[in-house]
Amino acid sequence: MLLSDEDTDTSIQIYGSNPERLAEAARVAEGSKPAWIDINCGCWVPKIAGRGAGAGWLRDPDAMVAMAKMVVSSVSCLVTVKTRIGLDETQTPIVDLARRLEDAGVAAITLHCRTAKMGHSGNADWTWAARAREVVSCPMIVNGDVDSGEAAERALSQTKCAGVMVGRRAIEHPWVFREIRSKLDRGVDHAPPTLAERLDLCRKHLSENVRQRGELHGVRVTRRHLSGYLRGMPGAAELRRTLLFCDSFEGCLGILGGYEEAQAKAA
């Protein structure tokens, strides 16, 4: 599948434990004309890292560097790497590894500032991004706990990195991007999304999922986003519970419409 000619920003991420297969995947991905190809060397999930993919590459930095070099040499587009500071607190090779990845031809590095063992627990330690940035000339992107405009501003100020990456926060609160832009560009906090904006996004996301995945699957995969989309709305918990038991597209639209009418009358 080709990305549209107007899409100049989308990258494609690949992951795996076999260098040759990753190089092959990169060549296939390049056919879609992405802005760049990213190698996932940071996924901590045991079933991924346990078989050597994702953060599993951190067990053998030499092999990780050799793999990155192979992927870079297999394509003509830019190749980046997203990784973590190490496997656990006893193995944090990222500073030297960042330099070696740049030498292998990697165009930029995104660093999730937790170990693989930490998963999403504890606090991200942005000082690692600052230390890694000092030894490379390629862009270093700081990731981990960047969940607001204030956090993005703080992360960039503390690390002097080229940018920030938003992960889990985007799934539940996609408005985070405009909040970050407002803080970085104008130094002001953006107003939170209104009730109308939250409901409109629920409808749009639901409609697009149904269009692409069919009614039943489309409705069900949208549910993971509801807790974030509806957060802060009056009666959000009950509304979410009602939606969770509805498997029809029109039924969900009706529930959202009924809720909106009730809120308008109560205002």
Protein backbone atom coordinates (compact mmCIF):
# COMPACT_ATOMS: atom_id res chain seq x y z
CA MET A 1 0.00 0.00 0.00
CA LEU A 2 1.32 3.43 -0.95
CA LEU A 3 0.96 6.45 1.27
CA SER A 4 -0.76 9.37 -0.41
CA ASP A 5 1.39 11.90 -2.26
CA GLU A 6 0.27 14.54 0.25
CA ASP A 7 1.55 12.47 3.19
CA THR A 8 5.09 13.62 3.78
CA ASP A 9 5.24 12.97 7.52
CA THR A 10 4.33 9.32 8.08
CA SER A 11 7.08 6.86 8.92
CA ILE A 12 6.86 3.07 9.12
CA GLN A 13 8.18 1.15 12.11
CA ILE A 14 9.52 -2.38 11.79
CA TYR A 15 10.54 -4.90 14.43
CA GLY A 16 11.92 -8.40 14.64
CA SER A 17 14.83 -10.48 15.90
CA ASN A 18 16.38 -11.53 12.57
CA PRO A 19 18.65 -8.94 10.90
CA GLU A 20 18.09 -10.32 7.39
CA ARG A 21 14.32 -10.29 7.79
CA LEU A 22 14.44 -6.76 9.17
CA ALA A 23 16.43 -5.63 6.15
CA GLU A 24 13.85 -7.32 3.94
CA ALA A 25 11.03 -5.65 5.86
CA ALA A 26 12.73 -2.29 5.42
CA ARG A 27 12.90 -2.79 1.65
CA VAL A 28 9.21 -3.68 1.56
CA ALA A 29 8.33 -0.68 3.73
CA GLU A 30 10.37 1.62 1.52
CA GLY A 31 8.00 0.75 -1.32
CA SER A 32 5.26 2.67 0.49
CA LYS A 33 7.41 5.81 0.33
CA PRO A 34 7.48 6.67 4.04
CA ALA A 35 9.24 9.74 5.36
CA TRP A 36 11.61 7.35 7.10
CA ILE A 37 11.79 3.83 8.53
CA ASP A 38 12.09 3.30 12.28
CA ILE A 39 13.50 0.16 13.91
CA ASN A 40 11.75 -0.77 17.14
CA CYS A 41 14.45 -1.69 19.64
CA GLY A 42 12.46 -0.57 22.66
CA CYS A 43 9.34 -2.71 23.09
CA TRP A 44 9.58 -4.20 26.59
CA VAL A 45 6.58 -6.59 26.34
CA PRO A 46 7.95 -10.03 27.35
CA LYS A 47 6.55 -11.93 24.35
CA ILE A 48 8.36 -9.47 22.06
CA ALA A 49 11.60 -8.76 23.94
CA GLY A 50 11.80 -12.35 25.15
CA ARG A 51 12.32 -13.64 21.63
CA GLY A 52 14.97 -11.05 20.83
CA ALA A 53 12.89 -8.37 19.12
CA GLY A 54 12.20 -4.88 20.45
CA ALA A 55 14.20 -4.23 23.62
CA GLY A 56 15.58 -7.75 23.32
CA TRP A 57 18.27 -6.27 21.08
CA LEU A 58 19.70 -4.53 24.15
CA ARG A 59 20.99 -7.90 25.38
CA ASP A 60 23.65 -7.70 22.66
CA PRO A 61 24.55 -4.13 21.66
CA ASP A 62 27.09 -5.41 19.11
CA ALA A 63 24.38 -7.37 17.32
CA MET A 64 22.02 -4.40 17.51
CA VAL A 65 24.55 -2.09 15.86
CA ALA A 66 25.31 -4.66 13.15
CA MET A 67 21.60 -5.09 12.50
CA ALA A 68 21.05 -1.33 12.24
CA LYS A 69 23.93 -1.05 9.79
CA MET A 70 22.44 -3.83 7.66
CA VAL A 71 19.04 -2.14 7.56
CA VAL A 72 20.54 1.25 6.74
CA SER A 73 22.51 -0.23 3.85
CA SER A 74 19.42 -1.99 2.50
CA VAL A 75 17.34 1.12 1.76
CA SER A 76 17.82 4.60 0.39
CA CYS A 77 15.47 6.39 2.80
CA LEU A 78 16.36 7.56 6.31
CA VAL A 79 16.47 4.95 9.07
CA THR A 80 15.95 5.77 12.74
CA VAL A 81 15.98 3.70 15.92
CA LYS A 82 13.73 3.84 18.97
CA THR A 83 15.17 2.16 22.05
CA ARG A 84 15.49 2.27 25.83
CA ILE A 85 18.36 3.07 28.18
CA GLY A 86 19.03 -0.64 28.78
CA LEU A 87 17.60 -3.95 29.91
CA ASP A 88 17.64 -3.14 33.63
CA GLU A 89 19.45 -0.91 36.12
CA THR A 90 22.61 -3.05 35.82
CA GLN A 91 22.74 -2.81 32.02
CA THR A 92 22.35 0.73 30.68
CA PRO A 93 24.58 0.95 27.60
CA ILE A 94 22.70 3.73 25.85
CA VAL A 95 25.35 6.45 25.88
CA ASP A 96 27.97 4.39 24.06
CA LEU A 97 25.28 2.64 22.03
CA ALA A 98 23.89 5.93 20.73
CA ARG A 99 27.31 6.88 19.37
CA ARG A 100 27.72 3.49 17.71
CA LEU A 101 24.22 3.62 16.16
CA GLU A 102 25.05 6.98 14.65
CA ASP A 103 28.28 5.54 13.26
CA ALA A 104 26.19 2.74 11.72
CA GLY A 105 24.24 5.32 9.72
CA VAL A 106 21.15 5.80 11.88
CA ALA A 107 19.70 9.24 11.13
CA ALA A 108 18.06 9.87 14.52
CA ILE A 109 17.49 8.12 17.83
CA THR A 110 14.39 8.17 20.00
CA LEU A 111 15.13 7.25 23.60
CA HIS A 112 12.48 6.03 26.00
CA CYS A 113 14.12 6.92 29.28
CA ARG A 114 13.21 3.75 31.18
CA THR A 115 14.80 0.31 31.17
CA ALA A 116 13.04 -2.60 29.51
CA LYS A 117 12.50 -4.17 32.94
CA MET A 118 10.60 -1.09 34.10
CA GLY A 119 8.04 -1.31 31.30
CA HIS A 120 5.84 1.71 31.95
CA SER A 121 6.38 1.73 35.73
CA GLY A 122 8.32 4.32 37.67
CA ASN A 123 9.43 7.65 36.29
CA ALA A 124 11.31 8.20 33.04
CA ASP A 125 14.80 9.55 33.75
CA TRP A 126 15.36 12.21 31.09
CA THR A 127 18.97 12.72 32.16
CA TRP A 128 19.84 9.69 30.04
CA ALA A 129 18.61 11.48 26.92
CA ALA A 130 20.75 14.48 27.81
CA ARG A 131 23.82 12.27 28.26
CA ALA A 132 23.25 10.40 25.00
CA ARG A 133 22.62 13.64 23.11
CA GLU A 134 26.02 14.93 24.11
CA VAL A 135 27.87 12.14 22.26
CA VAL A 136 26.00 12.26 18.93
CA SER A 137 25.41 14.83 16.23
CA CYS A 138 22.23 13.21 14.88
CA PRO A 139 18.89 14.31 16.39
CA MET A 140 18.05 12.76 19.75
CA ILE A 141 14.35 12.54 20.63
CA VAL A 142 13.34 12.20 24.28
CA ASN A 143 10.43 9.89 25.13
CA GLY A 144 8.73 8.77 28.33
CA ASP A 145 6.27 10.71 30.53
CA VAL A 146 5.79 13.40 27.87
CA ASP A 147 2.07 13.73 28.52
CA SER A 148 1.38 17.47 28.41
CA GLY A 149 2.60 20.77 27.06
CA GLU A 150 4.32 21.50 30.34
CA ALA A 151 6.07 18.11 30.33
CA ALA A 152 7.26 18.60 26.75
CA GLU A 153 8.64 22.03 27.58
CA ARG A 154 10.40 20.65 30.64
CA ALA A 155 11.84 17.66 28.77
CA LEU A 156 13.31 19.82 26.03
CA SER A 157 14.68 22.33 28.50
CA GLN A 158 16.36 19.66 30.62
CA THR A 159 17.78 17.52 27.80
CA LYS A 160 18.34 20.01 24.94
CA CYS A 161 17.08 17.23 22.64
CA ALA A 162 15.84 17.98 19.13
CA GLY A 163 12.30 16.94 19.97
CA VAL A 164 9.95 14.90 22.09
CA MET A 165 7.94 11.79 21.28
CA VAL A 166 4.48 11.22 22.70
CA GLY A 167 3.41 7.61 23.20
CA ARG A 168 0.57 6.32 25.37
CA ARG A 169 -0.88 9.76 26.04
CA ALA A 170 -1.83 10.12 22.38
CA ILE A 171 -4.06 7.03 22.59
CA GLU A 172 -6.28 8.46 25.31
CA HIS A 173 -5.80 12.18 24.77
CA PRO A 174 -4.87 13.09 21.17
CA TRP A 175 -5.39 16.75 21.98
CA VAL A 176 -1.99 16.56 23.66
CA PHE A 177 -0.35 17.59 20.39
CA ARG A 178 -2.11 20.93 20.17
CA GLU A 179 -1.42 21.44 23.86
CA ILE A 180 2.29 20.87 23.27
CA ARG A 181 2.37 23.16 20.24
CA SER A 182 0.61 25.89 22.20
CA LYS A 183 3.10 25.64 25.04
CA LEU A 184 6.20 25.47 22.85
CA ASP A 185 5.13 28.01 20.20
CA ARG A 186 3.28 30.58 22.28
CA GLY A 187 4.16 29.76 25.88
CA VAL A 188 0.52 29.38 26.89
CA ASP A 189 -1.57 26.47 28.12
CA HIS A 190 -4.21 25.38 25.63
CA ALA A 191 -7.77 25.06 26.89
CA PRO A 192 -8.87 21.46 27.46
CA PRO A 193 -11.12 19.85 24.85
CA THR A 194 -14.79 20.73 25.15
CA LEU A 195 -17.57 18.20 25.56
CA ALA A 196 -18.54 18.74 21.92
CA GLU A 197 -14.96 18.08 20.79
CA ARG A 198 -14.75 14.88 22.81
CA LEU A 199 -18.04 13.54 21.43
CA ASP A 200 -17.14 14.55 17.88
CA LEU A 201 -13.86 12.62 18.11
CA CYS A 202 -15.72 9.57 19.45
CA ARG A 203 -18.00 9.66 16.42
CA LYS A 204 -15.21 10.24 13.90
CA HIS A 205 -12.98 7.52 15.31
CA LEU A 206 -15.88 5.09 15.51
CA SER A 207 -16.96 5.85 11.94
CA GLU A 208 -13.47 5.40 10.52
CA ASN A 209 -12.88 2.15 12.38
CA VAL A 210 -16.18 0.74 11.13
CA ARG A 211 -15.38 1.85 7.58
CA GLN A 212 -12.00 0.15 7.60
CA ARG A 213 -12.68 -2.89 9.80
CA GLY A 214 -16.37 -3.67 9.48
CA GLU A 215 -19.09 -2.95 12.00
CA LEU A 216 -18.49 -5.45 14.80
CA HIS A 217 -14.69 -5.27 14.89
CA GLY A 218 -14.70 -1.53 14.24
CA VAL A 219 -17.00 -0.86 17.17
CA ARG A 220 -15.04 -3.08 19.53
CA VAL A 221 -11.56 -1.76 18.74
CA THR A 222 -12.74 1.79 19.39
CA ARG A 223 -13.54 0.93 23.00
CA ARG A 224 -9.94 1.12 24.19
CA HIS A 225 -9.98 4.84 23.50
CA LEU A 226 -13.26 5.67 25.24
CA SER A 227 -11.97 6.12 28.79
CA GLY A 228 -9.61 8.85 27.62
CA TYR A 229 -11.96 10.49 25.13
CA LEU A 230 -14.76 10.72 27.69
CA ARG A 231 -12.65 11.63 30.73
CA GLY A 232 -13.92 14.67 32.61
CA MET A 233 -17.41 14.59 31.09
CA PRO A 234 -20.44 14.45 33.42
CA GLY A 235 -21.53 10.85 33.88
CA ALA A 236 -18.57 9.60 31.83
CA ALA A 237 -18.31 6.26 33.64
CA GLU A 238 -21.95 5.36 32.99
CA LEU A 239 -21.74 6.50 29.37
CA ARG A 240 -18.68 4.35 28.81
CA ARG A 241 -20.34 1.31 30.40
CA THR A 242 -23.36 1.76 28.11
CA LEU A 243 -21.16 1.96 25.03
CA LEU A 244 -19.18 -1.12 26.09
CA PHE A 245 -22.33 -3.25 25.82
CA CYS A 246 -23.33 -1.96 22.40
CA ASP A 247 -21.95 -3.75 19.32
CA SER A 248 -23.79 -1.79 16.62
CA PHE A 249 -22.56 1.34 14.90
CA GLU A 250 -25.95 3.04 14.82
CA GLY A 251 -26.57 2.03 18.41
CA CYS A 252 -23.35 3.71 19.55
CA LEU A 253 -24.18 6.85 17.58
CA GLY A 254 -27.60 6.88 19.21
CA ILE A 255 -26.11 6.57 22.69
CA LEU A 256 -23.72 9.44 22.03
CA GLY A 257 -26.49 11.56 20.53
CA GLY A 258 -28.83 10.89 23.46
CA TYR A 259 -26.11 11.80 25.92
CA GLU A 260 -25.37 15.04 24.06
CA GLU A 261 -29.05 16.03 24.06
CA ALA A 262 -29.34 15.31 27.78
CA GLN A 263 -26.30 17.45 28.55
CA ALA A 264 -27.66 20.30 26.42
CA LYS A 265 -30.93 20.25 28.34
CA ALA A 266 -29.10 20.17 31.67
CA ALA A 267 -26.92 23.17 30.78
